[in-house]
Structures are given as structure tokens and as C-alpha cells.
N, C-alpha and C. Protein backbone atom coordinates (compact mmCIF):
# COMPACT_ATOMS: atom_id res chain seq x y z
N UNK A 1 2.30 0.31 48.01
CA UNK A 1 3.58 0.78 47.49
C UNK A 1 3.37 2.05 46.65
N UNK A 2 4.16 3.08 46.93
CA UNK A 2 4.06 4.34 46.20
C UNK A 2 4.93 4.27 44.96
N UNK A 3 4.32 4.50 43.77
CA UNK A 3 5.06 4.43 42.51
C UNK A 3 5.39 5.81 41.94
N UNK A 4 4.67 6.84 42.33
CA UNK A 4 4.92 8.17 41.78
C UNK A 4 6.22 8.75 42.35
N UNK A 5 7.19 9.09 41.47
CA UNK A 5 8.44 9.68 41.98
C UNK A 5 8.22 11.02 42.66
N UNK A 6 7.19 11.75 42.24
CA UNK A 6 6.94 13.07 42.82
C UNK A 6 6.45 12.97 44.26
N UNK A 7 5.84 11.87 44.61
CA UNK A 7 5.30 11.70 45.96
C UNK A 7 6.41 11.82 47.01
N UNK A 8 7.51 11.12 46.78
CA UNK A 8 8.61 11.14 47.76
C UNK A 8 9.54 12.32 47.56
N UNK A 9 9.82 12.68 46.29
CA UNK A 9 10.75 13.77 46.01
C UNK A 9 10.29 15.07 46.65
N UNK A 10 9.00 15.33 46.60
CA UNK A 10 8.51 16.63 47.03
C UNK A 10 7.80 16.59 48.38
N UNK A 11 7.98 15.50 49.11
CA UNK A 11 7.58 15.51 50.50
C UNK A 11 6.11 15.37 50.79
N UNK A 12 5.33 14.75 49.88
CA UNK A 12 3.92 14.55 50.18
C UNK A 12 3.74 13.68 51.42
N UNK A 13 4.67 12.77 51.65
CA UNK A 13 4.54 11.87 52.80
C UNK A 13 4.66 12.62 54.13
N UNK A 14 5.24 13.85 54.10
CA UNK A 14 5.37 14.63 55.34
C UNK A 14 4.18 15.56 55.57
N UNK A 15 3.31 15.70 54.56
CA UNK A 15 2.15 16.58 54.72
C UNK A 15 1.18 15.99 55.74
N UNK A 16 0.56 16.86 56.53
CA UNK A 16 -0.28 16.39 57.63
C UNK A 16 -1.76 16.73 57.46
N UNK A 17 -2.08 17.60 56.50
CA UNK A 17 -3.48 17.97 56.31
C UNK A 17 -3.67 18.46 54.86
N UNK A 18 -4.92 18.61 54.42
CA UNK A 18 -5.18 19.03 53.03
C UNK A 18 -4.51 20.34 52.64
N UNK A 19 -4.41 21.29 53.58
CA UNK A 19 -3.76 22.56 53.25
C UNK A 19 -2.29 22.36 52.88
N UNK A 20 -1.61 21.47 53.59
CA UNK A 20 -0.21 21.20 53.28
C UNK A 20 -0.06 20.46 51.96
N UNK A 21 -0.97 19.52 51.68
CA UNK A 21 -0.94 18.85 50.38
C UNK A 21 -1.17 19.85 49.25
N UNK A 22 -2.12 20.75 49.46
CA UNK A 22 -2.42 21.77 48.47
C UNK A 22 -1.20 22.66 48.21
N UNK A 23 -0.53 23.06 49.29
CA UNK A 23 0.64 23.92 49.17
C UNK A 23 1.78 23.23 48.44
N UNK A 24 2.03 21.97 48.77
CA UNK A 24 3.10 21.22 48.11
C UNK A 24 2.79 21.07 46.62
N UNK A 25 1.52 20.88 46.29
CA UNK A 25 1.15 20.75 44.88
C UNK A 25 1.42 22.04 44.12
N UNK A 26 1.09 23.17 44.70
CA UNK A 26 1.33 24.46 44.02
C UNK A 26 2.82 24.69 43.81
N UNK A 27 3.62 24.34 44.81
CA UNK A 27 5.08 24.47 44.66
C UNK A 27 5.59 23.52 43.58
N UNK A 28 5.04 22.32 43.54
CA UNK A 28 5.43 21.34 42.52
C UNK A 28 5.12 21.86 41.12
N UNK A 29 3.94 22.41 40.94
CA UNK A 29 3.56 22.93 39.62
C UNK A 29 4.52 24.03 39.19
N UNK A 30 4.90 24.90 40.12
CA UNK A 30 5.86 25.96 39.78
C UNK A 30 7.18 25.37 39.30
N UNK A 31 7.68 24.36 40.02
CA UNK A 31 8.96 23.76 39.63
C UNK A 31 8.87 23.10 38.27
N UNK A 32 7.76 22.40 38.00
CA UNK A 32 7.61 21.73 36.71
C UNK A 32 7.41 22.74 35.57
N UNK A 33 6.78 23.87 35.88
CA UNK A 33 6.66 24.93 34.86
C UNK A 33 8.04 25.45 34.48
N UNK A 34 8.88 25.70 35.47
CA UNK A 34 10.25 26.16 35.18
C UNK A 34 11.01 25.11 34.39
N UNK A 35 10.83 23.83 34.74
CA UNK A 35 11.51 22.76 34.02
C UNK A 35 11.06 22.72 32.56
N UNK A 36 9.77 22.87 32.33
CA UNK A 36 9.27 22.90 30.96
C UNK A 36 9.81 24.09 30.18
N UNK A 37 9.87 25.26 30.81
CA UNK A 37 10.44 26.44 30.15
C UNK A 37 11.91 26.21 29.82
N UNK A 38 12.63 25.58 30.74
CA UNK A 38 14.05 25.28 30.49
C UNK A 38 14.20 24.37 29.28
N UNK A 39 13.36 23.35 29.17
CA UNK A 39 13.43 22.45 28.01
C UNK A 39 13.16 23.20 26.72
N UNK A 40 12.36 24.25 26.79
CA UNK A 40 12.06 25.04 25.60
C UNK A 40 13.05 26.15 25.33
N UNK A 41 14.19 26.16 26.05
CA UNK A 41 15.26 27.18 25.88
C UNK A 41 14.77 28.58 26.21
N UNK A 42 13.76 28.67 27.06
CA UNK A 42 13.21 29.97 27.45
C UNK A 42 14.25 30.85 28.12
N UNK A 43 15.13 30.23 28.92
CA UNK A 43 16.07 31.03 29.72
C UNK A 43 17.27 31.51 28.91
N UNK A 44 17.29 31.21 27.62
CA UNK A 44 18.25 31.87 26.74
C UNK A 44 17.83 33.30 26.45
N UNK A 45 16.56 33.61 26.70
CA UNK A 45 16.01 34.93 26.37
C UNK A 45 15.50 35.70 27.58
N UNK A 46 15.28 35.02 28.70
CA UNK A 46 14.60 35.66 29.82
C UNK A 46 15.23 35.29 31.15
N UNK A 47 14.98 36.13 32.15
CA UNK A 47 15.47 35.89 33.51
C UNK A 47 14.29 35.87 34.48
N UNK A 48 14.39 35.04 35.46
CA UNK A 48 13.41 34.85 36.53
C UNK A 48 13.64 35.91 37.60
N UNK A 49 12.59 36.48 38.16
CA UNK A 49 12.75 37.43 39.26
C UNK A 49 11.49 37.42 40.12
N UNK A 50 11.48 38.22 41.18
CA UNK A 50 10.30 38.34 42.02
C UNK A 50 10.31 37.41 43.22
N UNK A 51 9.18 37.38 43.94
CA UNK A 51 9.09 36.64 45.19
C UNK A 51 9.30 35.14 45.02
N UNK A 52 8.78 34.56 43.94
CA UNK A 52 8.95 33.12 43.75
C UNK A 52 10.41 32.79 43.49
N UNK A 53 11.11 33.64 42.74
CA UNK A 53 12.54 33.43 42.52
C UNK A 53 13.30 33.50 43.84
N UNK A 54 12.95 34.45 44.69
CA UNK A 54 13.61 34.56 45.99
C UNK A 54 13.35 33.32 46.86
N UNK A 55 12.12 32.79 46.82
CA UNK A 55 11.82 31.60 47.62
C UNK A 55 12.56 30.37 47.09
N UNK A 56 12.48 30.14 45.79
CA UNK A 56 13.01 28.91 45.23
C UNK A 56 14.54 28.88 45.18
N UNK A 57 15.15 30.04 45.00
CA UNK A 57 16.59 30.07 44.75
C UNK A 57 17.40 30.71 45.88
N UNK A 58 16.72 31.43 46.80
CA UNK A 58 17.46 32.10 47.87
C UNK A 58 16.87 31.87 49.27
N UNK A 59 15.81 31.08 49.37
CA UNK A 59 15.32 30.70 50.68
C UNK A 59 14.34 31.64 51.35
N UNK A 60 13.71 32.56 50.61
CA UNK A 60 12.66 33.40 51.20
C UNK A 60 11.57 32.50 51.79
N UNK A 61 11.15 32.81 53.02
CA UNK A 61 10.24 31.92 53.74
C UNK A 61 8.78 32.32 53.59
N UNK A 62 8.34 32.58 52.40
CA UNK A 62 6.91 32.77 52.15
C UNK A 62 6.59 32.26 50.75
N UNK A 63 5.34 31.84 50.54
CA UNK A 63 4.92 31.37 49.23
C UNK A 63 4.53 32.54 48.35
N UNK A 64 4.94 32.48 47.09
CA UNK A 64 4.56 33.49 46.11
C UNK A 64 3.91 32.77 44.93
N UNK A 65 2.76 33.22 44.49
CA UNK A 65 1.97 32.47 43.52
C UNK A 65 2.47 32.59 42.09
N UNK A 66 2.99 33.74 41.71
CA UNK A 66 3.29 33.99 40.30
C UNK A 66 4.73 33.67 39.94
N UNK A 67 4.93 33.39 38.66
CA UNK A 67 6.27 33.27 38.08
C UNK A 67 6.51 34.52 37.23
N UNK A 68 7.43 35.37 37.66
CA UNK A 68 7.69 36.64 36.99
C UNK A 68 9.01 36.57 36.23
N UNK A 69 8.99 37.08 34.99
CA UNK A 69 10.18 37.04 34.15
C UNK A 69 10.36 38.38 33.44
N UNK A 70 11.59 38.63 33.03
CA UNK A 70 11.89 39.77 32.17
C UNK A 70 12.81 39.31 31.06
N UNK A 71 12.56 39.76 29.85
CA UNK A 71 13.49 39.45 28.78
C UNK A 71 14.84 40.09 29.06
N UNK A 72 15.90 39.44 28.59
CA UNK A 72 17.24 40.00 28.77
C UNK A 72 17.43 41.25 27.94
N UNK A 73 16.79 41.26 26.77
CA UNK A 73 16.82 42.43 25.89
C UNK A 73 15.43 42.60 25.30
N UNK A 74 15.08 43.84 25.00
CA UNK A 74 13.76 44.10 24.42
C UNK A 74 13.57 43.31 23.13
N UNK A 75 12.39 42.71 23.01
CA UNK A 75 12.09 41.89 21.83
C UNK A 75 10.60 42.02 21.54
N UNK A 76 10.22 43.00 20.71
CA UNK A 76 8.79 43.27 20.49
C UNK A 76 8.01 42.09 19.95
N UNK A 77 8.66 41.18 19.22
CA UNK A 77 7.95 40.06 18.63
C UNK A 77 7.92 38.82 19.54
N UNK A 78 8.38 38.95 20.78
CA UNK A 78 8.38 37.82 21.69
C UNK A 78 6.94 37.41 22.01
N UNK A 79 6.70 36.10 22.05
CA UNK A 79 5.37 35.59 22.36
C UNK A 79 5.47 34.49 23.41
N UNK A 80 4.89 34.72 24.57
CA UNK A 80 4.91 33.74 25.64
C UNK A 80 4.16 32.47 25.24
N UNK A 81 3.15 32.61 24.39
CA UNK A 81 2.33 31.46 23.99
C UNK A 81 3.16 30.34 23.38
N UNK A 82 4.26 30.68 22.73
CA UNK A 82 5.07 29.66 22.05
C UNK A 82 5.75 28.71 23.04
N UNK A 83 5.78 29.06 24.33
CA UNK A 83 6.43 28.22 25.33
C UNK A 83 5.44 27.42 26.19
N UNK A 84 4.16 27.69 26.03
CA UNK A 84 3.17 27.04 26.89
C UNK A 84 3.07 25.54 26.62
N UNK A 85 3.28 25.11 25.37
CA UNK A 85 3.23 23.68 25.07
C UNK A 85 4.33 22.92 25.81
N UNK A 86 5.50 23.55 25.95
CA UNK A 86 6.59 22.91 26.70
C UNK A 86 6.17 22.70 28.15
N UNK A 87 5.49 23.68 28.71
CA UNK A 87 5.03 23.58 30.11
C UNK A 87 3.98 22.48 30.24
N UNK A 88 3.00 22.49 29.35
CA UNK A 88 1.92 21.50 29.44
C UNK A 88 2.47 20.08 29.26
N UNK A 89 3.38 19.90 28.30
CA UNK A 89 3.94 18.57 28.06
C UNK A 89 4.79 18.10 29.24
N UNK A 90 5.49 19.03 29.89
CA UNK A 90 6.29 18.65 31.05
C UNK A 90 5.41 18.17 32.19
N UNK A 91 4.35 18.90 32.45
CA UNK A 91 3.42 18.48 33.50
C UNK A 91 2.81 17.13 33.17
N UNK A 92 2.44 16.94 31.92
CA UNK A 92 1.84 15.68 31.49
C UNK A 92 2.82 14.52 31.66
N UNK A 93 4.10 14.76 31.35
CA UNK A 93 5.11 13.71 31.48
C UNK A 93 5.25 13.23 32.91
N UNK A 94 4.93 14.09 33.87
CA UNK A 94 5.02 13.72 35.29
C UNK A 94 3.65 13.30 35.85
N UNK A 95 2.68 13.14 34.96
CA UNK A 95 1.38 12.63 35.38
C UNK A 95 0.38 13.67 35.80
N UNK A 96 0.59 14.93 35.42
CA UNK A 96 -0.32 16.00 35.81
C UNK A 96 -1.03 16.56 34.57
N UNK A 97 -2.33 16.36 34.52
CA UNK A 97 -3.14 16.90 33.43
C UNK A 97 -3.43 18.37 33.72
N UNK A 98 -3.17 19.23 32.74
CA UNK A 98 -3.33 20.67 32.99
C UNK A 98 -3.91 21.37 31.78
N UNK A 99 -4.34 22.58 32.01
CA UNK A 99 -4.77 23.49 30.95
C UNK A 99 -3.87 24.72 30.99
N UNK A 100 -3.53 25.22 29.83
CA UNK A 100 -2.73 26.44 29.75
C UNK A 100 -3.43 27.43 28.81
N UNK A 101 -3.13 28.70 28.99
CA UNK A 101 -3.71 29.71 28.12
C UNK A 101 -3.17 31.08 28.43
N UNK A 102 -3.46 32.02 27.57
CA UNK A 102 -3.04 33.40 27.75
C UNK A 102 -4.09 34.17 28.53
N UNK A 103 -3.64 35.16 29.29
CA UNK A 103 -4.52 36.09 29.98
C UNK A 103 -4.46 37.41 29.23
N UNK A 104 -5.56 37.78 28.60
CA UNK A 104 -5.57 38.99 27.79
C UNK A 104 -5.75 40.22 28.68
N UNK A 105 -4.87 41.19 28.49
CA UNK A 105 -4.94 42.43 29.27
C UNK A 105 -5.00 43.62 28.32
N UNK A 106 -5.79 44.58 28.68
CA UNK A 106 -5.86 45.80 27.90
C UNK A 106 -4.91 46.84 28.51
N UNK A 107 -4.34 47.64 27.64
CA UNK A 107 -3.48 48.74 28.07
C UNK A 107 -2.31 48.26 28.92
N UNK A 108 -1.73 47.11 28.59
CA UNK A 108 -0.57 46.60 29.31
C UNK A 108 0.36 45.91 28.33
N UNK A 109 1.64 46.18 28.47
CA UNK A 109 2.61 45.52 27.61
C UNK A 109 3.06 44.18 28.19
N UNK A 110 2.67 43.91 29.44
CA UNK A 110 3.04 42.66 30.09
C UNK A 110 2.27 41.50 29.48
N UNK A 111 2.97 40.44 29.14
CA UNK A 111 2.31 39.22 28.66
C UNK A 111 2.05 38.31 29.84
N UNK A 112 0.84 37.77 29.92
CA UNK A 112 0.46 36.90 31.04
C UNK A 112 -0.14 35.60 30.52
N UNK A 113 0.09 34.54 31.27
CA UNK A 113 -0.48 33.23 30.93
C UNK A 113 -0.74 32.48 32.22
N UNK A 114 -1.46 31.36 32.10
CA UNK A 114 -1.78 30.56 33.27
C UNK A 114 -1.63 29.07 32.95
N UNK A 115 -1.44 28.30 34.00
CA UNK A 115 -1.55 26.84 33.93
C UNK A 115 -2.37 26.43 35.14
N UNK A 116 -3.33 25.53 34.93
CA UNK A 116 -4.18 25.12 36.04
C UNK A 116 -4.49 23.63 35.95
N UNK A 117 -4.74 23.04 37.11
CA UNK A 117 -5.06 21.62 37.20
C UNK A 117 -6.04 21.39 38.33
N UNK A 118 -6.82 20.33 38.23
CA UNK A 118 -7.76 19.99 39.29
C UNK A 118 -6.98 19.48 40.50
N UNK A 119 -7.15 20.13 41.63
CA UNK A 119 -6.35 19.82 42.83
C UNK A 119 -6.56 18.39 43.30
N UNK A 120 -7.81 18.00 43.51
CA UNK A 120 -8.11 16.69 44.07
C UNK A 120 -7.66 15.57 43.12
N UNK A 121 -8.02 15.68 41.85
CA UNK A 121 -7.66 14.63 40.89
C UNK A 121 -6.15 14.48 40.78
N UNK A 122 -5.44 15.59 40.80
CA UNK A 122 -3.98 15.54 40.65
C UNK A 122 -3.34 14.90 41.88
N UNK A 123 -3.79 15.27 43.06
CA UNK A 123 -3.22 14.68 44.28
C UNK A 123 -3.49 13.18 44.33
N UNK A 124 -4.66 12.76 43.88
CA UNK A 124 -4.96 11.32 43.85
C UNK A 124 -4.04 10.61 42.85
N UNK A 125 -3.77 11.24 41.69
CA UNK A 125 -2.84 10.66 40.72
C UNK A 125 -1.44 10.53 41.31
N UNK A 126 -1.09 11.46 42.17
CA UNK A 126 0.22 11.42 42.81
C UNK A 126 0.22 10.54 44.06
N UNK A 127 -0.83 9.75 44.19
CA UNK A 127 -0.94 8.69 45.20
C UNK A 127 -1.04 9.19 46.64
N UNK A 128 -1.65 10.37 46.79
CA UNK A 128 -2.02 10.81 48.13
C UNK A 128 -3.29 10.06 48.51
N UNK A 129 -3.36 9.43 49.67
CA UNK A 129 -4.56 8.67 50.05
C UNK A 129 -5.82 9.54 50.07
N UNK A 130 -6.89 8.99 49.52
CA UNK A 130 -8.16 9.73 49.48
C UNK A 130 -8.63 10.12 50.87
N UNK A 131 -8.31 9.30 51.87
CA UNK A 131 -8.72 9.60 53.24
C UNK A 131 -8.10 10.88 53.78
N UNK A 132 -6.97 11.32 53.17
CA UNK A 132 -6.30 12.54 53.61
C UNK A 132 -6.88 13.79 52.95
N UNK A 133 -7.78 13.61 51.97
CA UNK A 133 -8.22 14.72 51.14
C UNK A 133 -9.72 14.95 51.21
N UNK A 134 -10.36 14.47 52.25
CA UNK A 134 -11.82 14.52 52.32
C UNK A 134 -12.37 15.94 52.28
N UNK A 135 -11.63 16.90 52.77
CA UNK A 135 -12.16 18.27 52.82
C UNK A 135 -11.95 19.06 51.53
N UNK A 136 -11.25 18.47 50.56
CA UNK A 136 -11.02 19.17 49.29
C UNK A 136 -12.23 19.03 48.39
N UNK A 137 -12.67 20.14 47.81
CA UNK A 137 -13.80 20.10 46.86
C UNK A 137 -13.33 19.48 45.56
N UNK A 138 -14.19 18.71 44.95
CA UNK A 138 -13.80 17.99 43.72
C UNK A 138 -13.49 18.92 42.55
N UNK A 139 -14.00 20.16 42.61
CA UNK A 139 -13.77 21.11 41.51
C UNK A 139 -12.69 22.15 41.82
N UNK A 140 -12.02 22.01 42.96
CA UNK A 140 -10.99 22.99 43.31
C UNK A 140 -9.85 22.96 42.28
N UNK A 141 -9.34 24.13 41.95
CA UNK A 141 -8.29 24.26 40.94
C UNK A 141 -7.03 24.83 41.57
N UNK A 142 -5.89 24.26 41.22
CA UNK A 142 -4.58 24.84 41.56
C UNK A 142 -4.03 25.49 40.31
N UNK A 143 -3.57 26.72 40.43
CA UNK A 143 -3.09 27.40 39.23
C UNK A 143 -1.83 28.20 39.52
N UNK A 144 -1.10 28.46 38.44
CA UNK A 144 0.11 29.28 38.48
C UNK A 144 -0.01 30.29 37.34
N UNK A 145 0.37 31.52 37.61
CA UNK A 145 0.34 32.56 36.59
C UNK A 145 1.75 32.95 36.20
N UNK A 146 1.97 33.16 34.89
CA UNK A 146 3.24 33.63 34.37
C UNK A 146 3.06 35.09 33.95
N UNK A 147 4.09 35.89 34.16
CA UNK A 147 4.10 37.24 33.60
C UNK A 147 5.50 37.56 33.10
N UNK A 148 5.57 38.19 31.93
CA UNK A 148 6.86 38.57 31.37
C UNK A 148 6.76 39.93 30.72
N UNK A 149 7.79 40.72 30.92
CA UNK A 149 7.87 42.05 30.32
C UNK A 149 8.77 41.96 29.08
N UNK A 150 8.21 42.10 27.87
CA UNK A 150 9.03 42.03 26.66
C UNK A 150 9.95 43.23 26.49
N UNK A 151 9.73 44.28 27.30
CA UNK A 151 10.54 45.50 27.21
C UNK A 151 11.14 45.79 28.58
N UNK A 152 12.30 45.23 28.90
CA UNK A 152 12.91 45.45 30.22
C UNK A 152 13.04 46.93 30.51
N UNK A 153 12.61 47.37 31.70
CA UNK A 153 12.64 48.80 32.02
C UNK A 153 14.05 49.34 32.19
N UNK A 154 15.00 48.48 32.50
CA UNK A 154 16.38 48.93 32.69
C UNK A 154 17.30 47.72 32.56
N UNK A 155 18.59 47.99 32.48
CA UNK A 155 19.55 46.90 32.40
C UNK A 155 19.68 46.21 33.76
N UNK A 156 20.00 44.93 33.73
CA UNK A 156 20.21 44.19 34.97
C UNK A 156 21.19 43.06 34.70
N UNK A 157 21.77 42.56 35.78
CA UNK A 157 22.66 41.42 35.68
C UNK A 157 21.90 40.15 36.00
N UNK A 158 22.32 39.05 35.40
CA UNK A 158 21.66 37.77 35.67
C UNK A 158 22.72 36.69 35.81
N UNK A 159 22.29 35.57 36.35
CA UNK A 159 23.19 34.44 36.56
C UNK A 159 22.39 33.15 36.46
N UNK A 160 23.09 32.04 36.28
CA UNK A 160 22.43 30.73 36.24
C UNK A 160 22.52 30.09 37.62
N UNK A 161 21.37 29.59 38.08
CA UNK A 161 21.32 28.86 39.34
C UNK A 161 20.54 27.57 39.11
N UNK A 162 20.80 26.59 39.97
CA UNK A 162 20.20 25.28 39.77
C UNK A 162 18.99 25.06 40.67
N UNK A 163 17.97 24.48 40.08
CA UNK A 163 16.85 23.90 40.82
C UNK A 163 17.10 22.40 40.81
N UNK A 164 17.02 21.76 41.96
CA UNK A 164 17.43 20.35 42.08
C UNK A 164 16.27 19.35 41.99
N UNK A 165 15.04 19.83 42.11
CA UNK A 165 13.91 18.91 42.09
C UNK A 165 12.87 19.38 41.07
N UNK A 166 12.22 18.45 40.35
CA UNK A 166 12.31 17.00 40.51
C UNK A 166 13.55 16.38 39.85
N UNK A 167 14.20 17.13 38.95
CA UNK A 167 15.52 16.75 38.43
C UNK A 167 16.35 18.03 38.40
N UNK A 168 17.67 17.93 38.42
CA UNK A 168 18.49 19.15 38.35
C UNK A 168 18.37 19.83 36.99
N UNK A 169 18.15 21.15 37.01
CA UNK A 169 18.14 21.94 35.78
C UNK A 169 18.49 23.37 36.16
N UNK A 170 18.91 24.14 35.18
CA UNK A 170 19.38 25.50 35.46
C UNK A 170 18.33 26.54 35.06
N UNK A 171 18.31 27.61 35.82
CA UNK A 171 17.39 28.71 35.60
C UNK A 171 18.19 30.00 35.57
N UNK A 172 17.95 30.85 34.58
CA UNK A 172 18.58 32.16 34.59
C UNK A 172 17.75 33.08 35.47
N UNK A 173 18.41 33.73 36.42
CA UNK A 173 17.71 34.57 37.38
C UNK A 173 18.45 35.89 37.54
N UNK A 174 17.72 36.94 37.86
CA UNK A 174 18.37 38.22 38.14
C UNK A 174 19.32 38.05 39.32
N UNK A 175 20.42 38.76 39.29
CA UNK A 175 21.37 38.70 40.40
C UNK A 175 20.71 39.24 41.66
N UNK A 176 21.23 38.85 42.81
CA UNK A 176 20.63 39.25 44.08
C UNK A 176 20.58 40.78 44.25
N UNK A 177 21.65 41.53 43.92
CA UNK A 177 21.53 42.99 44.02
C UNK A 177 20.40 43.56 43.17
N UNK A 178 20.18 42.97 41.98
CA UNK A 178 19.10 43.46 41.13
C UNK A 178 17.73 43.04 41.67
N UNK A 179 17.65 41.86 42.28
CA UNK A 179 16.40 41.46 42.94
C UNK A 179 16.07 42.40 44.10
N UNK A 180 17.10 42.79 44.84
CA UNK A 180 16.91 43.73 45.95
C UNK A 180 16.47 45.10 45.42
N UNK A 181 17.10 45.55 44.34
CA UNK A 181 16.73 46.84 43.75
C UNK A 181 15.28 46.82 43.27
N UNK A 182 14.87 45.70 42.68
CA UNK A 182 13.49 45.58 42.24
C UNK A 182 12.51 45.62 43.39
N UNK A 183 12.89 45.00 44.53
CA UNK A 183 12.02 45.03 45.70
C UNK A 183 11.94 46.43 46.29
N UNK A 184 13.07 47.15 46.31
CA UNK A 184 13.06 48.54 46.77
C UNK A 184 12.16 49.40 45.89
N UNK A 185 12.22 49.16 44.60
CA UNK A 185 11.37 49.91 43.68
C UNK A 185 9.90 49.63 43.96
N UNK A 186 9.57 48.36 44.22
CA UNK A 186 8.17 48.01 44.51
C UNK A 186 7.69 48.70 45.78
N UNK A 187 8.54 48.75 46.80
CA UNK A 187 8.16 49.38 48.06
C UNK A 187 7.97 50.88 47.88
N UNK A 188 8.84 51.51 47.10
CA UNK A 188 8.84 52.98 47.01
C UNK A 188 7.94 53.52 45.91
N UNK A 189 7.73 52.74 44.85
CA UNK A 189 7.08 53.30 43.67
C UNK A 189 5.73 52.69 43.34
N UNK A 190 5.33 51.61 44.01
CA UNK A 190 4.03 51.02 43.71
C UNK A 190 2.92 52.00 44.08
N UNK A 191 1.80 51.96 43.33
CA UNK A 191 0.67 52.84 43.63
C UNK A 191 -0.04 52.38 44.89
N UNK A 192 0.36 52.90 46.05
CA UNK A 192 -0.10 52.36 47.33
C UNK A 192 -1.58 52.58 47.58
N UNK A 193 -2.18 53.60 47.01
CA UNK A 193 -3.59 53.87 47.31
C UNK A 193 -4.46 52.70 46.88
N UNK A 194 -4.19 52.14 45.71
CA UNK A 194 -5.03 51.05 45.19
C UNK A 194 -4.34 49.69 45.19
N UNK A 195 -3.03 49.66 45.48
CA UNK A 195 -2.32 48.39 45.37
C UNK A 195 -1.35 48.18 46.54
N UNK A 196 -1.88 48.30 47.74
CA UNK A 196 -1.04 48.06 48.92
C UNK A 196 -0.63 46.59 48.94
N UNK A 197 0.64 46.32 49.04
CA UNK A 197 1.15 44.95 49.01
C UNK A 197 2.02 44.70 50.25
N UNK A 198 1.46 44.04 51.24
CA UNK A 198 2.23 43.73 52.43
C UNK A 198 3.42 42.83 52.14
N UNK A 199 3.32 42.02 51.08
CA UNK A 199 4.41 41.11 50.76
C UNK A 199 5.69 41.87 50.39
N UNK A 200 5.56 43.07 49.82
CA UNK A 200 6.75 43.85 49.47
C UNK A 200 7.52 44.23 50.73
N UNK A 201 6.79 44.67 51.75
CA UNK A 201 7.44 45.02 53.02
C UNK A 201 8.04 43.78 53.68
N UNK A 202 7.31 42.69 53.62
CA UNK A 202 7.83 41.44 54.21
C UNK A 202 9.14 41.05 53.54
N UNK A 203 9.18 41.13 52.22
CA UNK A 203 10.39 40.73 51.49
C UNK A 203 11.55 41.67 51.78
N UNK A 204 11.25 42.97 51.91
CA UNK A 204 12.31 43.92 52.23
C UNK A 204 12.89 43.62 53.61
N UNK A 205 12.03 43.32 54.58
CA UNK A 205 12.51 42.96 55.92
C UNK A 205 13.34 41.69 55.86
N UNK A 206 12.91 40.73 55.03
CA UNK A 206 13.69 39.49 54.87
C UNK A 206 15.08 39.79 54.34
N UNK A 207 15.18 40.67 53.36
CA UNK A 207 16.50 41.05 52.82
C UNK A 207 17.38 41.59 53.93
N UNK A 208 16.84 42.48 54.75
CA UNK A 208 17.62 43.13 55.80
C UNK A 208 18.00 42.13 56.90
N UNK A 209 17.02 41.36 57.39
CA UNK A 209 17.28 40.42 58.48
C UNK A 209 18.26 39.32 58.08
N UNK A 210 18.16 38.86 56.84
CA UNK A 210 19.02 37.76 56.40
C UNK A 210 20.42 38.22 56.03
N UNK A 211 20.61 39.55 55.99
CA UNK A 211 21.92 40.07 55.59
C UNK A 211 22.09 40.19 54.09
N UNK A 212 21.05 39.80 53.33
CA UNK A 212 21.17 39.83 51.87
C UNK A 212 21.24 41.26 51.34
N UNK A 213 20.66 42.21 52.09
CA UNK A 213 20.66 43.60 51.62
C UNK A 213 22.07 44.16 51.55
N UNK A 214 23.00 43.59 52.32
CA UNK A 214 24.36 44.12 52.35
C UNK A 214 25.09 43.93 51.04
N UNK A 215 24.56 43.05 50.16
CA UNK A 215 25.22 42.84 48.87
C UNK A 215 24.93 43.97 47.89
N UNK A 216 23.95 44.83 48.24
CA UNK A 216 23.62 45.94 47.35
C UNK A 216 24.50 47.13 47.68
N UNK A 217 25.24 47.65 46.71
CA UNK A 217 26.21 48.73 46.99
C UNK A 217 25.57 50.02 47.50
N UNK A 218 24.25 50.21 47.26
CA UNK A 218 23.65 51.45 47.75
C UNK A 218 23.07 51.30 49.15
N UNK A 219 23.07 50.08 49.68
CA UNK A 219 22.46 49.84 51.00
C UNK A 219 23.50 50.05 52.09
N UNK A 220 23.24 51.01 52.96
CA UNK A 220 24.17 51.30 54.05
C UNK A 220 23.38 51.35 55.36
N UNK A 221 23.17 50.19 55.99
CA UNK A 221 22.39 50.17 57.23
C UNK A 221 23.05 51.01 58.32
N UNK A 222 22.26 51.67 59.13
CA UNK A 222 22.76 52.52 60.22
C UNK A 222 23.28 51.64 61.36
């Protein structure tokens, strides 16, 4: 008998191989991180954006590893570290032992942090049969990185949207036109010589194919 609520809620029973279990776990950690931030009133000050926001809230069909945020208004004294305990406690409440910490960067105003957990041990705690996980190394780590800009580069609109699993909660996210504008900026302005990102092109094509680009007033497809 399966007792872990996360096992059924997040579809572990449909996974067919270790790669799929690993992927579901990473998605689960992202959702629980957002839930922990919500409990800490993080979204009163910040908005979610980027590839993970597009996947979780708008159906983008690719996995994105990072959780990217921007403050609603510039706040020089903002500290991401003050919210990490909320994330760690949320994961712990659902049976996931994790480590959190800051990522120190030189010459960058972006604040970064991480949360990580042992992949094999966590999946076993979530009642995935050991026979399904034989190829996983005992020291493998699943991690999620947070990044937030305390000084928003420009004004943007945001809205509240709901994440339904593992429980319903609301997330403040950049509006779709602003998400599209940010993706256009990444495609046109990123330093391509040293930072070629195929995911930016993929996301731009997704916007166009799905019809989402039409919501942007500057987009006029031929």
C-alpha cells in the first residue's frame, strides 16, 4: 500500500524508468519550492518568470531547471536567504530532506540560491520500489537553482495564477506579453559568442506555434 501522497499526486506510478522518476522528482521539488515561497509571502514582493514559469503555468513542453524571479520594485536590502528556511521546511513537511544555501557570485547583482536532495534516498522515501531504481547512483543529487534580480531592469505587468499540485496555491507571475518580451530580449541581446542558448530559440518558436505570440502588441506575423 502506497502511503505517500506525492507518489500518486505527481504520477510516480506512471513512470517507466529511472530517467522518468528523476524528472518527476525535479519537477516536484520545483513545485514544493514555489509552495514554500508562497507560505513565506515571497510573491508579495516578486514575480516568477522564465522557462520554468512558461512550463508550469502556460504549458511549455520542455523542462527548465531554474526558478527565475524579479522583484516588483527595486529593493536594495532584499535578501533571498530569508526565504530559504520556508523552502526547506516545506520540503521537509512532505518528507524530502534537503540542503539549501546561497550561491556567491562576483560582479553580479543577481542573487542566487540552491536546494538539493539525494535522488535515490528521496525516491525511496516517496515509496518508489527499489527494483525500479537500480541504475541510480547512491550519491546522485537532484537540485534546483533560484535567481532573483533585486533591481528590475524595466517595468512589467504581473498576475496571480494557480498551481494545483501538491495543493492549490497562487503564484505571482509576469504577464504573458511580458514573458514574450523577455524571451525576445534573450534571443536578440544575449551574448551569443559565449552563451549560445538553444532553449531561447525553442521557446520563441513555441510562442509562435502556440499562438501565444499574438498577445504581444508588437508582434505582427507575416
